[in-house]
Protein backbone atom coordinates (compact mmCIF):
# COMPACT_ATOMS: atom_id res chain seq x y z
CA MET A 1 26.69 40.43 22.61
CA VAL A 2 30.26 40.62 21.38
CA ASN A 3 31.88 37.22 20.92
CA LEU A 4 35.47 37.10 22.12
CA SER A 5 35.75 33.32 22.20
CA ASN A 6 38.67 33.29 19.74
CA THR A 7 40.92 35.37 21.96
CA PRO A 8 44.29 34.47 23.50
CA TRP A 9 43.13 34.65 27.14
CA THR A 10 41.20 31.40 27.40
CA ASN A 11 42.96 29.90 30.45
CA PRO A 12 39.83 29.64 32.62
CA SER A 13 41.47 29.02 35.99
CA SER A 14 44.33 31.46 35.83
CA ASP A 15 44.46 34.01 38.66
CA ASP A 16 46.84 36.03 36.50
CA GLN A 17 44.25 36.20 33.71
CA ARG A 18 41.53 37.37 36.11
CA LEU A 19 43.83 40.00 37.56
CA HIS A 20 44.80 41.13 34.07
CA ALA A 21 41.15 41.59 33.04
CA ILE A 22 40.36 43.53 36.23
CA LEU A 23 43.43 45.74 35.84
CA HIS A 24 42.41 46.66 32.30
CA ALA A 25 38.90 47.52 33.51
CA VAL A 26 40.32 49.76 36.24
CA LYS A 27 42.71 51.39 33.78
CA ALA A 28 39.86 52.19 31.37
CA ALA A 29 37.67 53.50 34.21
CA GLY A 30 40.52 55.73 35.37
CA LYS A 31 40.93 57.20 31.91
CA LEU A 32 37.20 57.88 31.68
CA ALA A 33 37.35 59.57 35.10
CA SER A 34 40.26 61.69 33.90
CA ILE A 35 38.23 62.84 30.89
CA LEU A 36 35.27 63.81 33.07
CA GLU A 37 37.50 65.60 35.56
CA ALA A 38 39.12 67.64 32.79
CA GLU A 39 35.71 68.57 31.40
CA GLY A 40 34.51 69.57 34.86
CA HIS A 41 37.45 71.91 35.34
CA GLY A 42 37.03 74.16 32.35
CA GLY A 43 37.64 71.61 29.62
CA ARG A 44 41.41 71.57 29.98
CA GLU A 45 42.89 69.48 27.20
CA ARG A 46 44.99 66.62 28.47
CA GLU A 47 45.31 63.02 27.60
CA PRO A 48 42.94 61.27 27.29
CA THR A 49 40.39 63.56 25.64
CA ALA A 50 36.62 63.39 25.32
CA ALA A 51 37.06 61.83 21.89
CA ASP A 52 38.56 58.78 23.64
CA GLN A 53 35.42 58.05 25.68
CA PRO A 54 34.00 55.40 23.31
CA LYS A 55 37.36 53.61 23.23
CA TYR A 56 37.63 53.37 27.02
CA ALA A 57 33.96 52.47 27.47
CA ALA A 58 34.53 49.63 24.99
CA ASP A 59 37.62 48.60 26.98
CA LEU A 60 35.43 48.25 30.09
CA VAL A 61 33.01 45.99 28.21
CA ILE A 62 35.82 43.92 26.71
CA SER A 63 37.36 43.48 30.16
CA ALA A 64 34.01 42.34 31.57
CA ILE A 65 33.64 39.83 28.72
CA ARG A 66 37.17 38.56 29.35
CA LEU A 67 36.51 38.16 33.07
CA ALA A 68 33.27 36.26 32.41
CA ASP A 69 35.09 33.96 29.99
CA ILE A 70 37.98 33.37 32.38
CA CYS A 71 35.76 32.79 35.42
CA GLY A 72 33.17 30.76 33.52
CA PHE A 73 29.99 32.75 34.12
CA ASP A 74 27.31 33.99 31.72
CA LEU A 75 27.78 37.74 31.47
CA GLU A 76 24.42 38.37 29.82
CA LYS A 77 22.63 36.60 32.69
CA ALA A 78 24.74 38.50 35.23
CA LEU A 79 23.89 41.81 33.53
CA ALA A 80 20.18 41.03 33.48
CA ALA A 81 20.20 40.00 37.14
CA ARG A 82 22.18 43.07 38.16
CA GLN A 83 19.91 45.39 36.20
CA ALA A 84 16.84 43.86 37.83
CA GLN A 85 18.49 44.24 41.24
CA ARG A 86 19.41 47.89 40.59
CA ASN A 87 15.88 48.67 39.37
CA LYS A 88 14.56 47.60 42.80
CA LEU A 89 16.79 50.12 44.61
């Protein structure tokens, strides 16, 4: 797992920090959706492009790590539990 413990967002009880992490996740998800929409409509080139997909996927992961750090939960345990839950669906 990526270690972001030496980052500037280590105020664990800050509502602003949680909101900031969530907003960045939503922003990255929106950009990924925009890429997929463009590809689905004849591959029209507009920003962002398919080449940006890894960058925005990484932004989603970074935002999840930030949120876990800010809120004080173990992201790896949460991921394992969620995966197990989804596998039962």
